[in-house]
């Protein structure tokens, strides 16, 4: 049994715990919150026996692993702390804000024989394999368009003058790191790193990017990634080849994937998967990598490589767009 703790008490943490509860071998042991009252209320809801308000004390405890869902700017230092204390780490995306940080975390994890994994939903869903197989059926691919534009629940708050973490660049907030990464990750695991990048963004009064576009230019194709926290997409994403195409309802979840041939005939290859199921996939993968490292050595290595490539590509896009977290 792997006893894990959670850092943060946000809705995403709730979804992860619900997903992890579906995975035999994982047990929620502790909750970290800056507020003792909030932490105790959260722990009572989900059956955790211990509450911490000091990260060092949690890192020094006898937990085996941690799920980190704090603001983006805290991910690196918190992951580094827990790895240095011998804990396996599953950290919400983006794992880091600066690419050199991912190398440091992965090196530290390797030195200590630990798992350090980025919680990117699309990497661990069975739909990823289904999508990869479908690519083989659409011929020569010349273009893809990935969009994740989702009107933020905090946008009205921002318009009233209050800056939440998701719109605060000092906390690593903004559209690229919050939503755009969900477009960049599939581009990387499907097509690799591009030869050239052209990107731009629009900014809010807080200094955070509100929306952006990145054109990933490969030798024989282009992937256009669009993302926004101030508007809602209704069209989804698509990949097109000379023998057919693929539509993707949700690029972040890889839900609603349909394959079309040249005649326009369609075949659904992946339907809906709930947030809880997606989180269960992440939790199960994390547990497998911890418990059976030799069996999943290659798979874990691939996940590490994708996270690293995504971190470096996000950095290229940020610099091209004028996004700055320092």
C-alpha atoms as a PDB file:
ATOM      1  CA  UNK A   1       0.000   0.000   0.000  1.00  0.00           C
ATOM      2  CA  UNK A   2       1.280   3.441  -0.988  1.00  0.00           C
ATOM      3  CA  UNK A   3       0.306   6.166   1.480  1.00  0.00           C
ATOM      4  CA  UNK A   4       0.122   9.520  -0.260  1.00  0.00           C
ATOM      5  CA  UNK A   5      -0.505  13.117   0.726  1.00  0.00           C
ATOM      6  CA  UNK A   6      -2.040  15.961  -1.231  1.00  0.00           C
ATOM      7  CA  UNK A   7      -0.718  19.508  -1.354  1.00  0.00           C
ATOM      8  CA  UNK A   8      -3.689  21.787  -1.904  1.00  0.00           C
ATOM      9  CA  UNK A   9      -7.435  21.542  -1.335  1.00  0.00           C
ATOM     10  CA  UNK A  10      -8.745  22.862  -4.649  1.00  0.00           C
ATOM     11  CA  UNK A  11     -11.376  21.166  -6.869  1.00  0.00           C
ATOM     12  CA  UNK A  12      -8.635  19.493  -8.930  1.00  0.00           C
ATOM     13  CA  UNK A  13      -7.341  17.870  -5.741  1.00  0.00           C
ATOM     14  CA  UNK A  14     -10.829  16.616  -4.982  1.00  0.00           C
ATOM     15  CA  UNK A  15     -11.055  15.051  -8.436  1.00  0.00           C
ATOM     16  CA  UNK A  16      -7.673  13.396  -8.024  1.00  0.00           C
ATOM     17  CA  UNK A  17      -8.643  11.856  -4.695  1.00  0.00           C
ATOM     18  CA  UNK A  18     -11.880  10.536  -6.188  1.00  0.00           C
ATOM     19  CA  UNK A  19      -9.886   9.002  -9.028  1.00  0.00           C
ATOM     20  CA  UNK A  20      -7.232   7.581  -6.725  1.00  0.00           C
ATOM     21  CA  UNK A  21      -9.978   5.962  -4.637  1.00  0.00           C
ATOM     22  CA  UNK A  22     -10.704   3.776  -7.683  1.00  0.00           C
ATOM     23  CA  UNK A  23      -7.125   2.469  -7.692  1.00  0.00           C
ATOM     24  CA  UNK A  24      -6.320  -0.398  -5.358  1.00  0.00           C
ATOM     25  CA  UNK A  25      -3.022   0.192  -3.601  1.00  0.00           C
ATOM     26  CA  UNK A  26      -3.265   3.939  -3.000  1.00  0.00           C
ATOM     27  CA  UNK A  27      -4.394   5.400   0.322  1.00  0.00           C
ATOM     28  CA  UNK A  28      -4.856   9.067   1.193  1.00  0.00           C
ATOM     29  CA  UNK A  29      -2.870   9.572   4.389  1.00  0.00           C
ATOM     30  CA  UNK A  30      -2.430  13.321   4.787  1.00  0.00           C
ATOM     31  CA  UNK A  31      -3.522  16.751   3.602  1.00  0.00           C
ATOM     32  CA  UNK A  32      -1.475  19.928   3.435  1.00  0.00           C
ATOM     33  CA  UNK A  33      -3.155  23.315   3.590  1.00  0.00           C
ATOM     34  CA  UNK A  34      -1.971  26.726   4.709  1.00  0.00           C
ATOM     35  CA  UNK A  35      -5.196  26.929   6.747  1.00  0.00           C
ATOM     36  CA  UNK A  36      -5.600  24.416   9.588  1.00  0.00           C
ATOM     37  CA  UNK A  37      -9.387  24.754   9.543  1.00  0.00           C
ATOM     38  CA  UNK A  38      -9.642  24.275   5.783  1.00  0.00           C
ATOM     39  CA  UNK A  39      -7.227  21.359   5.897  1.00  0.00           C
ATOM     40  CA  UNK A  40      -9.129  19.610   8.680  1.00  0.00           C
ATOM     41  CA  UNK A  41     -12.458  20.061   6.915  1.00  0.00           C
ATOM     42  CA  UNK A  42     -10.975  18.692   3.698  1.00  0.00           C
ATOM     43  CA  UNK A  43      -9.327  15.758   5.455  1.00  0.00           C
ATOM     44  CA  UNK A  44     -12.577  14.848   7.194  1.00  0.00           C
ATOM     45  CA  UNK A  45     -14.435  14.835   3.873  1.00  0.00           C
ATOM     46  CA  UNK A  46     -11.989  12.435   2.259  1.00  0.00           C
ATOM     47  CA  UNK A  47     -10.868  10.298   5.177  1.00  0.00           C
ATOM     48  CA  UNK A  48      -7.287  11.518   5.662  1.00  0.00           C
ATOM     49  CA  UNK A  49      -6.045  11.036   9.207  1.00  0.00           C
ATOM     50  CA  UNK A  50      -3.424  13.780   9.309  1.00  0.00           C
ATOM     51  CA  UNK A  51      -3.319  17.468   8.443  1.00  0.00           C
ATOM     52  CA  UNK A  52      -0.169  19.519   7.955  1.00  0.00           C
ATOM     53  CA  UNK A  53       0.289  23.274   7.646  1.00  0.00           C
ATOM     54  CA  UNK A  54       4.085  23.017   7.342  1.00  0.00           C
ATOM     55  CA  UNK A  55       5.488  21.502   4.133  1.00  0.00           C
ATOM     56  CA  UNK A  56       8.785  20.543   5.775  1.00  0.00           C
ATOM     57  CA  UNK A  57       6.945  18.548   8.429  1.00  0.00           C
ATOM     58  CA  UNK A  58       4.927  16.768   5.756  1.00  0.00           C
ATOM     59  CA  UNK A  59       8.078  16.014   3.770  1.00  0.00           C
ATOM     60  CA  UNK A  60       9.707  14.588   6.900  1.00  0.00           C
ATOM     61  CA  UNK A  61       6.707  12.375   7.693  1.00  0.00           C
ATOM     62  CA  UNK A  62       6.352   8.701   6.791  1.00  0.00           C
ATOM     63  CA  UNK A  63       4.220   9.201   3.669  1.00  0.00           C
ATOM     64  CA  UNK A  64       5.412   7.433   0.521  1.00  0.00           C
ATOM     65  CA  UNK A  65       4.266   9.870  -2.157  1.00  0.00           C
ATOM     66  CA  UNK A  66       2.663  13.249  -2.764  1.00  0.00           C
ATOM     67  CA  UNK A  67       0.269  14.777  -5.263  1.00  0.00           C
ATOM     68  CA  UNK A  68       1.037  18.493  -5.749  1.00  0.00           C
ATOM     69  CA  UNK A  69      -1.741  20.815  -6.902  1.00  0.00           C
ATOM     70  CA  UNK A  70      -0.467  24.193  -5.716  1.00  0.00           C
ATOM     71  CA  UNK A  71      -0.082  27.356  -7.864  1.00  0.00           C
ATOM     72  CA  UNK A  72       2.249  26.851 -10.832  1.00  0.00           C
ATOM     73  CA  UNK A  73       5.054  28.974  -9.414  1.00  0.00           C
ATOM     74  CA  UNK A  74       5.377  26.624  -6.420  1.00  0.00           C
ATOM     75  CA  UNK A  75       5.581  23.339  -8.328  1.00  0.00           C
ATOM     76  CA  UNK A  76       9.344  23.196  -8.773  1.00  0.00           C
ATOM     77  CA  UNK A  77      10.401  24.029  -5.219  1.00  0.00           C
ATOM     78  CA  UNK A  78       7.761  21.771  -3.679  1.00  0.00           C
ATOM     79  CA  UNK A  79       8.622  18.859  -5.974  1.00  0.00           C
ATOM     80  CA  UNK A  80      12.309  19.367  -5.208  1.00  0.00           C
ATOM     81  CA  UNK A  81      11.611  19.346  -1.469  1.00  0.00           C
ATOM     82  CA  UNK A  82       9.653  16.094  -1.515  1.00  0.00           C
ATOM     83  CA  UNK A  83      12.110  14.334  -3.811  1.00  0.00           C
ATOM     84  CA  UNK A  84      14.999  15.377  -1.565  1.00  0.00           C
ATOM     85  CA  UNK A  85      13.124  13.781   1.344  1.00  0.00           C
ATOM     86  CA  UNK A  86      12.657  10.494  -0.507  1.00  0.00           C
ATOM     87  CA  UNK A  87       9.039  10.879  -1.623  1.00  0.00           C
ATOM     88  CA  UNK A  88       7.610   9.993  -5.025  1.00  0.00           C
ATOM     89  CA  UNK A  89       6.043  13.026  -6.719  1.00  0.00           C
ATOM     90  CA  UNK A  90       3.043  13.432  -8.995  1.00  0.00           C
ATOM     91  CA  UNK A  91       2.836  17.139  -9.821  1.00  0.00           C
ATOM     92  CA  UNK A  92       0.076  18.927 -11.675  1.00  0.00           C
ATOM     93  CA  UNK A  93       0.914  20.503 -14.995  1.00  0.00           C
ATOM     94  CA  UNK A  94       2.954  22.465 -15.746  1.00  0.00           C
ATOM     95  CA  UNK A  95       5.573  20.644 -13.685  1.00  0.00           C
ATOM     96  CA  UNK A  96       7.910  23.638 -14.036  1.00  0.00           C
ATOM     97  CA  UNK A  97       7.929  27.177 -15.410  1.00  0.00           C
ATOM     98  CA  UNK A  98      11.527  27.098 -16.624  1.00  0.00           C
ATOM     99  CA  UNK A  99      12.951  24.190 -18.645  1.00  0.00           C
ATOM    100  CA  UNK A 100      16.183  23.768 -16.697  1.00  0.00           C
ATOM    101  CA  UNK A 101      14.049  22.944 -13.657  1.00  0.00           C
ATOM    102  CA  UNK A 102      12.686  19.767 -15.243  1.00  0.00           C
ATOM    103  CA  UNK A 103      16.228  18.480 -15.725  1.00  0.00           C
ATOM    104  CA  UNK A 104      17.001  19.145 -12.061  1.00  0.00           C
ATOM    105  CA  UNK A 105      13.887  17.329 -10.855  1.00  0.00           C
ATOM    106  CA  UNK A 106      14.377  14.346 -13.139  1.00  0.00           C
ATOM    107  CA  UNK A 107      18.038  14.035 -12.159  1.00  0.00           C
ATOM    108  CA  UNK A 108      17.165  14.205  -8.456  1.00  0.00           C
ATOM    109  CA  UNK A 109      14.475  11.553  -8.862  1.00  0.00           C
ATOM    110  CA  UNK A 110      16.845   9.263 -10.765  1.00  0.00           C
ATOM    111  CA  UNK A 111      19.591   9.652  -8.155  1.00  0.00           C
ATOM    112  CA  UNK A 112      17.184   8.665  -5.390  1.00  0.00           C
ATOM    113  CA  UNK A 113      15.367   5.943  -7.337  1.00  0.00           C
ATOM    114  CA  UNK A 114      12.085   7.846  -7.158  1.00  0.00           C
ATOM    115  CA  UNK A 115       9.237   8.547  -9.556  1.00  0.00           C
ATOM    116  CA  UNK A 116       8.692  12.157 -10.578  1.00  0.00           C
ATOM    117  CA  UNK A 117       5.701  12.429 -12.907  1.00  0.00           C
ATOM    118  CA  UNK A 118       3.780  15.321 -14.431  1.00  0.00           C
ATOM    119  CA  UNK A 119       0.007  15.000 -14.113  1.00  0.00           C
ATOM    120  CA  UNK A 120      -0.962  15.626 -17.735  1.00  0.00           C
ATOM    121  CA  UNK A 121      -4.321  13.932 -18.359  1.00  0.00           C
ATOM    122  CA  UNK A 122      -3.858  13.190 -22.046  1.00  0.00           C
ATOM    123  CA  UNK A 123      -0.653  11.210 -21.417  1.00  0.00           C
ATOM    124  CA  UNK A 124      -2.296   8.474 -19.368  1.00  0.00           C
ATOM    125  CA  UNK A 125      -5.698   7.914 -20.942  1.00  0.00           C
ATOM    126  CA  UNK A 126      -6.225   4.840 -23.150  1.00  0.00           C
ATOM    127  CA  UNK A 127      -7.536   7.275 -25.771  1.00  0.00           C
ATOM    128  CA  UNK A 128      -3.944   8.352 -26.473  1.00  0.00           C
ATOM    129  CA  UNK A 129      -3.094   4.931 -27.899  1.00  0.00           C
ATOM    130  CA  UNK A 130      -6.340   4.904 -29.864  1.00  0.00           C
ATOM    131  CA  UNK A 131      -5.455   8.314 -31.335  1.00  0.00           C
ATOM    132  CA  UNK A 132      -1.920   7.218 -32.215  1.00  0.00           C
ATOM    133  CA  UNK A 133      -3.295   4.161 -34.017  1.00  0.00           C
ATOM    134  CA  UNK A 134      -5.861   6.278 -35.881  1.00  0.00           C
ATOM    135  CA  UNK A 135      -3.097   8.508 -37.260  1.00  0.00           C
ATOM    136  CA  UNK A 136      -1.868   5.562 -39.315  1.00  0.00           C
ATOM    137  CA  UNK A 137      -5.163   5.535 -41.227  1.00  0.00           C
ATOM    138  CA  UNK A 138      -5.322   9.098 -42.532  1.00  0.00           C
ATOM    139  CA  UNK A 139      -2.329   9.085 -44.852  1.00  0.00           C
ATOM    140  CA  UNK A 140       0.181  11.911 -45.104  1.00  0.00           C
ATOM    141  CA  UNK A 141      -0.576  14.454 -42.410  1.00  0.00           C
ATOM    142  CA  UNK A 142       0.045  18.067 -43.347  1.00  0.00           C
ATOM    143  CA  UNK A 143      -1.877  20.012 -40.730  1.00  0.00           C
ATOM    144  CA  UNK A 144      -3.372  19.834 -37.266  1.00  0.00           C
ATOM    145  CA  UNK A 145      -5.262  22.388 -35.226  1.00  0.00           C
ATOM    146  CA  UNK A 146      -5.416  21.986 -31.451  1.00  0.00           C
ATOM    147  CA  UNK A 147      -7.554  24.382 -29.434  1.00  0.00           C
ATOM    148  CA  UNK A 148      -8.255  24.690 -25.736  1.00  0.00           C
ATOM    149  CA  UNK A 149     -10.186  27.882 -25.141  1.00  0.00           C
ATOM    150  CA  UNK A 150     -12.163  27.851 -21.927  1.00  0.00           C
ATOM    151  CA  UNK A 151     -13.769  30.898 -20.353  1.00  0.00           C
ATOM    152  CA  UNK A 152     -12.320  31.046 -16.847  1.00  0.00           C
ATOM    153  CA  UNK A 153     -14.656  30.960 -13.867  1.00  0.00           C
ATOM    154  CA  UNK A 154     -12.366  33.664 -12.414  1.00  0.00           C
ATOM    155  CA  UNK A 155     -12.689  36.022 -15.379  1.00  0.00           C
ATOM    156  CA  UNK A 156     -15.600  38.039 -13.951  1.00  0.00           C
ATOM    157  CA  UNK A 157     -13.613  38.384 -10.728  1.00  0.00           C
ATOM    158  CA  UNK A 158     -10.691  39.699 -12.752  1.00  0.00           C
ATOM    159  CA  UNK A 159     -12.906  42.232 -14.524  1.00  0.00           C
ATOM    160  CA  UNK A 160     -13.940  43.542 -11.105  1.00  0.00           C
ATOM    161  CA  UNK A 161     -10.284  44.182 -10.294  1.00  0.00           C
ATOM    162  CA  UNK A 162      -9.382  41.108  -8.237  1.00  0.00           C
ATOM    163  CA  UNK A 163      -6.458  39.083  -9.590  1.00  0.00           C
ATOM    164  CA  UNK A 164      -6.719  35.342  -8.881  1.00  0.00           C
ATOM    165  CA  UNK A 165      -3.654  33.091  -9.108  1.00  0.00           C
ATOM    166  CA  UNK A 166      -4.669  31.855 -12.564  1.00  0.00           C
ATOM    167  CA  UNK A 167      -4.341  35.420 -13.857  1.00  0.00           C
ATOM    168  CA  UNK A 168      -1.237  36.343 -11.882  1.00  0.00           C
ATOM    169  CA  UNK A 169       2.057  35.914 -13.776  1.00  0.00           C
ATOM    170  CA  UNK A 170       3.983  35.992 -10.487  1.00  0.00           C
ATOM    171  CA  UNK A 171       2.181  32.753  -9.620  1.00  0.00           C
ATOM    172  CA  UNK A 172       2.800  31.248 -13.043  1.00  0.00           C
ATOM    173  CA  UNK A 173      -0.734  31.987 -14.185  1.00  0.00           C
ATOM    174  CA  UNK A 174      -1.939  32.716 -17.691  1.00  0.00           C
ATOM    175  CA  UNK A 175      -3.412  30.973 -20.694  1.00  0.00           C
ATOM    176  CA  UNK A 176      -0.276  29.254 -21.999  1.00  0.00           C
ATOM    177  CA  UNK A 177       0.634  27.420 -18.814  1.00  0.00           C
ATOM    178  CA  UNK A 178      -2.939  26.775 -17.729  1.00  0.00           C
ATOM    179  CA  UNK A 179      -4.504  25.702 -21.033  1.00  0.00           C
ATOM    180  CA  UNK A 180      -2.004  25.960 -23.872  1.00  0.00           C
ATOM    181  CA  UNK A 181       0.104  23.185 -22.395  1.00  0.00           C
ATOM    182  CA  UNK A 182      -2.774  20.791 -23.129  1.00  0.00           C
ATOM    183  CA  UNK A 183      -2.335  21.600 -26.825  1.00  0.00           C
ATOM    184  CA  UNK A 184       1.447  21.440 -26.778  1.00  0.00           C
ATOM    185  CA  UNK A 185       1.676  18.043 -25.072  1.00  0.00           C
ATOM    186  CA  UNK A 186      -0.284  16.114 -27.767  1.00  0.00           C
ATOM    187  CA  UNK A 187       1.726  17.894 -30.454  1.00  0.00           C
ATOM    188  CA  UNK A 188       4.894  16.578 -28.824  1.00  0.00           C
ATOM    189  CA  UNK A 189       3.810  12.992 -28.167  1.00  0.00           C
ATOM    190  CA  UNK A 190       2.220  12.677 -31.611  1.00  0.00           C
ATOM    191  CA  UNK A 191       4.727  14.533 -33.789  1.00  0.00           C
ATOM    192  CA  UNK A 192       7.825  15.306 -31.709  1.00  0.00           C
ATOM    193  CA  UNK A 193       9.542  18.683 -31.461  1.00  0.00           C
ATOM    194  CA  UNK A 194       9.059  21.188 -34.293  1.00  0.00           C
ATOM    195  CA  UNK A 195      11.834  22.684 -36.373  1.00  0.00           C
ATOM    196  CA  UNK A 196      10.519  26.219 -35.956  1.00  0.00           C
ATOM    197  CA  UNK A 197       8.082  28.049 -33.668  1.00  0.00           C
ATOM    198  CA  UNK A 198       6.084  31.204 -34.301  1.00  0.00           C
ATOM    199  CA  UNK A 199       3.967  32.432 -31.398  1.00  0.00           C
ATOM    200  CA  UNK A 200       2.129  35.475 -30.080  1.00  0.00           C
ATOM    201  CA  UNK A 201      -0.183  36.300 -27.190  1.00  0.00           C
ATOM    202  CA  UNK A 202      -2.596  38.916 -25.884  1.00  0.00           C
ATOM    203  CA  UNK A 203      -2.251  40.231 -22.339  1.00  0.00           C
ATOM    204  CA  UNK A 204      -4.451  41.360 -19.456  1.00  0.00           C
ATOM    205  CA  UNK A 205      -3.899  44.314 -17.133  1.00  0.00           C
ATOM    206  CA  UNK A 206      -2.503  41.840 -14.595  1.00  0.00           C
ATOM    207  CA  UNK A 207       0.364  41.064 -16.969  1.00  0.00           C
ATOM    208  CA  UNK A 208      -0.830  37.503 -17.605  1.00  0.00           C
ATOM    209  CA  UNK A 209      -1.460  36.210 -21.109  1.00  0.00           C
ATOM    210  CA  UNK A 210      -5.183  35.957 -21.807  1.00  0.00           C
ATOM    211  CA  UNK A 211      -4.932  34.060 -25.097  1.00  0.00           C
ATOM    212  CA  UNK A 212      -2.358  32.996 -27.626  1.00  0.00           C
ATOM    213  CA  UNK A 213      -1.438  31.132 -30.775  1.00  0.00           C
ATOM    214  CA  UNK A 214       1.609  28.984 -31.497  1.00  0.00           C
ATOM    215  CA  UNK A 215       2.416  27.647 -34.954  1.00  0.00           C
ATOM    216  CA  UNK A 216       4.668  24.595 -34.730  1.00  0.00           C
ATOM    217  CA  UNK A 217       6.420  24.196 -38.053  1.00  0.00           C
ATOM    218  CA  UNK A 218       7.693  20.717 -38.951  1.00  0.00           C
ATOM    219  CA  UNK A 219       9.479  19.850 -42.181  1.00  0.00           C
ATOM    220  CA  UNK A 220       6.349  18.462 -43.812  1.00  0.00           C
ATOM    221  CA  UNK A 221       3.459  19.714 -41.677  1.00  0.00           C
ATOM    222  CA  UNK A 222       2.241  22.395 -39.293  1.00  0.00           C
ATOM    223  CA  UNK A 223       0.413  22.231 -35.984  1.00  0.00           C
ATOM    224  CA  UNK A 224      -1.499  25.361 -34.957  1.00  0.00           C
ATOM    225  CA  UNK A 225      -2.230  25.626 -31.244  1.00  0.00           C
ATOM    226  CA  UNK A 226      -4.743  28.196 -29.971  1.00  0.00           C
ATOM    227  CA  UNK A 227      -5.769  28.747 -26.383  1.00  0.00           C
ATOM    228  CA  UNK A 228      -7.691  31.290 -24.327  1.00  0.00           C
ATOM    229  CA  UNK A 229      -8.930  31.860 -20.795  1.00  0.00           C
ATOM    230  CA  UNK A 230     -11.295  34.654 -21.840  1.00  0.00           C
ATOM    231  CA  UNK A 231     -13.432  32.865 -24.460  1.00  0.00           C
ATOM    232  CA  UNK A 232     -15.117  29.489 -24.942  1.00  0.00           C
ATOM    233  CA  UNK A 233     -14.342  27.187 -27.882  1.00  0.00           C
ATOM    234  CA  UNK A 234     -17.182  25.118 -29.405  1.00  0.00           C
ATOM    235  CA  UNK A 235     -15.432  23.492 -32.374  1.00  0.00           C
ATOM    236  CA  UNK A 236     -12.735  21.305 -30.845  1.00  0.00           C
ATOM    237  CA  UNK A 237      -9.564  20.149 -32.597  1.00  0.00           C
ATOM    238  CA  UNK A 238      -8.631  18.199 -35.735  1.00  0.00           C
ATOM    239  CA  UNK A 239      -5.821  16.458 -37.590  1.00  0.00           C
ATOM    240  CA  UNK A 240      -5.983  16.160 -41.395  1.00  0.00           C
ATOM    241  CA  UNK A 241      -4.222  13.899 -43.870  1.00  0.00           C
ATOM    242  CA  UNK A 242      -4.607  13.036 -47.542  1.00  0.00           C
ATOM    243  CA  UNK A 243      -6.549   9.842 -46.722  1.00  0.00           C
ATOM    244  CA  UNK A 244      -8.857  11.224 -44.049  1.00  0.00           C
ATOM    245  CA  UNK A 245      -9.013  13.190 -40.831  1.00  0.00           C
ATOM    246  CA  UNK A 246      -9.569  13.014 -37.098  1.00  0.00           C
ATOM    247  CA  UNK A 247     -11.692  15.315 -34.953  1.00  0.00           C
ATOM    248  CA  UNK A 248     -11.149  15.637 -31.213  1.00  0.00           C
ATOM    249  CA  UNK A 249     -13.867  17.124 -29.047  1.00  0.00           C
ATOM    250  CA  UNK A 250     -11.597  17.827 -26.077  1.00  0.00           C
ATOM    251  CA  UNK A 251      -7.853  18.075 -26.593  1.00  0.00           C
ATOM    252  CA  UNK A 252      -7.182  18.181 -22.845  1.00  0.00           C
ATOM    253  CA  UNK A 253      -9.093  14.974 -22.123  1.00  0.00           C
ATOM    254  CA  UNK A 254      -8.792  13.367 -25.580  1.00  0.00           C
ATOM    255  CA  UNK A 255     -12.541  12.828 -25.468  1.00  0.00           C
ATOM    256  CA  UNK A 256     -14.872  12.426 -28.458  1.00  0.00           C
ATOM    257  CA  UNK A 257     -12.354  11.307 -31.070  1.00  0.00           C
ATOM    258  CA  UNK A 258     -13.797  10.468 -34.494  1.00  0.00           C
ATOM    259  CA  UNK A 259     -11.949   9.096 -37.528  1.00  0.00           C
ATOM    260  CA  UNK A 260     -13.112  10.122 -41.022  1.00  0.00           C
ATOM    261  CA  UNK A 261     -12.035   8.542 -44.308  1.00  0.00           C
ATOM    262  CA  UNK A 262     -11.752  10.393 -47.639  1.00  0.00           C
ATOM    263  CA  UNK A 263     -15.419   9.793 -48.385  1.00  0.00           C
ATOM    264  CA  UNK A 264     -16.428  11.420 -45.083  1.00  0.00           C
ATOM    265  CA  UNK A 265     -17.531   8.175 -43.476  1.00  0.00           C
ATOM    266  CA  UNK A 266     -16.953   8.301 -39.745  1.00  0.00           C
ATOM    267  CA  UNK A 267     -15.949   5.915 -36.986  1.00  0.00           C
ATOM    268  CA  UNK A 268     -15.932   6.910 -33.309  1.00  0.00           C
ATOM    269  CA  UNK A 269     -12.732   5.674 -31.706  1.00  0.00           C
ATOM    270  CA  UNK A 270     -13.040   7.283 -28.271  1.00  0.00           C
ATOM    271  CA  UNK A 271     -16.046   8.614 -26.405  1.00  0.00           C
ATOM    272  CA  UNK A 272     -16.438  10.452 -23.114  1.00  0.00           C
ATOM    273  CA  UNK A 273     -14.246   9.828 -20.102  1.00  0.00           C
ATOM    274  CA  UNK A 274     -15.098  11.615 -16.865  1.00  0.00           C
ATOM    275  CA  UNK A 275     -12.636  13.755 -14.942  1.00  0.00           C
ATOM    276  CA  UNK A 276     -12.644  11.144 -12.198  1.00  0.00           C
ATOM    277  CA  UNK A 277     -11.758   8.398 -14.684  1.00  0.00           C
ATOM    278  CA  UNK A 278      -8.985  10.540 -16.143  1.00  0.00           C
ATOM    279  CA  UNK A 279      -7.571  11.113 -12.681  1.00  0.00           C
ATOM    280  CA  UNK A 280      -7.817   7.392 -11.957  1.00  0.00           C
ATOM    281  CA  UNK A 281      -5.690   6.772 -15.049  1.00  0.00           C
ATOM    282  CA  UNK A 282      -3.044   9.171 -13.715  1.00  0.00           C
ATOM    283  CA  UNK A 283      -3.126   7.642 -10.255  1.00  0.00           C
ATOM    284  CA  UNK A 284      -2.934   4.067 -11.588  1.00  0.00           C
ATOM    285  CA  UNK A 285      -0.001   4.957 -13.831  1.00  0.00           C
ATOM    286  CA  UNK A 286       1.804   6.645 -10.935  1.00  0.00           C
ATOM    287  CA  UNK A 287       1.274   3.583  -8.740  1.00  0.00           C
ATOM    288  CA  UNK A 288       2.462   1.188 -11.467  1.00  0.00           C
ATOM    289  CA  UNK A 289       5.657   3.165 -11.979  1.00  0.00           C
ATOM    290  CA  UNK A 290       6.349   3.066  -8.232  1.00  0.00           C
ATOM    291  CA  UNK A 291       5.466  -0.570  -7.620  1.00  0.00           C
ATOM    292  CA  UNK A 292       6.708  -2.175 -10.841  1.00  0.00           C
ATOM    293  CA  UNK A 293       9.598  -0.036 -12.122  1.00  0.00           C
ATOM    294  CA  UNK A 294      11.149  -2.725 -14.297  1.00  0.00           C
ATOM    295  CA  UNK A 295       7.857  -3.589 -15.990  1.00  0.00           C
ATOM    296  CA  UNK A 296       7.181   0.055 -16.843  1.00  0.00           C
ATOM    297  CA  UNK A 297      10.732   1.287 -17.355  1.00  0.00           C
ATOM    298  CA  UNK A 298      10.301   2.191 -21.027  1.00  0.00           C
ATOM    299  CA  UNK A 299       6.861   3.712 -20.534  1.00  0.00           C
ATOM    300  CA  UNK A 300       8.072   5.869 -17.662  1.00  0.00           C
ATOM    301  CA  UNK A 301      11.100   6.911 -19.677  1.00  0.00           C
ATOM    302  CA  UNK A 302       8.817   8.017 -22.499  1.00  0.00           C
ATOM    303  CA  UNK A 303       6.650  10.041 -20.085  1.00  0.00           C
ATOM    304  CA  UNK A 304       9.764  11.729 -18.686  1.00  0.00           C
ATOM    305  CA  UNK A 305      11.006  12.590 -22.166  1.00  0.00           C
ATOM    306  CA  UNK A 306       7.660  14.063 -23.205  1.00  0.00           C
ATOM    307  CA  UNK A 307       7.517  16.214 -20.045  1.00  0.00           C
ATOM    308  CA  UNK A 308      11.015  17.485 -20.724  1.00  0.00           C
ATOM    309  CA  UNK A 309      10.310  18.247 -24.383  1.00  0.00           C
ATOM    310  CA  UNK A 310       7.052  19.996 -23.483  1.00  0.00           C
ATOM    311  CA  UNK A 311       8.819  22.143 -20.864  1.00  0.00           C
ATOM    312  CA  UNK A 312      11.427  23.282 -23.381  1.00  0.00           C
ATOM    313  CA  UNK A 313       8.831  23.904 -26.096  1.00  0.00           C
ATOM    314  CA  UNK A 314       6.621  25.916 -23.723  1.00  0.00           C
ATOM    315  CA  UNK A 315       9.667  28.029 -22.920  1.00  0.00           C
ATOM    316  CA  UNK A 316      10.259  28.712 -26.626  1.00  0.00           C
ATOM    317  CA  UNK A 317       6.620  29.716 -27.050  1.00  0.00           C
ATOM    318  CA  UNK A 318       6.657  31.916 -23.946  1.00  0.00           C
ATOM    319  CA  UNK A 319       9.756  33.765 -25.098  1.00  0.00           C
ATOM    320  CA  UNK A 320       8.393  34.214 -28.616  1.00  0.00           C
ATOM    321  CA  UNK A 321       5.116  35.528 -27.173  1.00  0.00           C
ATOM    322  CA  UNK A 322       6.669  37.909 -24.658  1.00  0.00           C
ATOM    323  CA  UNK A 323       5.424  35.936 -21.644  1.00  0.00           C
ATOM    324  CA  UNK A 324       7.609  36.420 -18.570  1.00  0.00           C
ATOM    325  CA  UNK A 325       7.310  34.739 -15.170  1.00  0.00           C
ATOM    326  CA  UNK A 326      10.350  36.388 -13.573  1.00  0.00           C
END
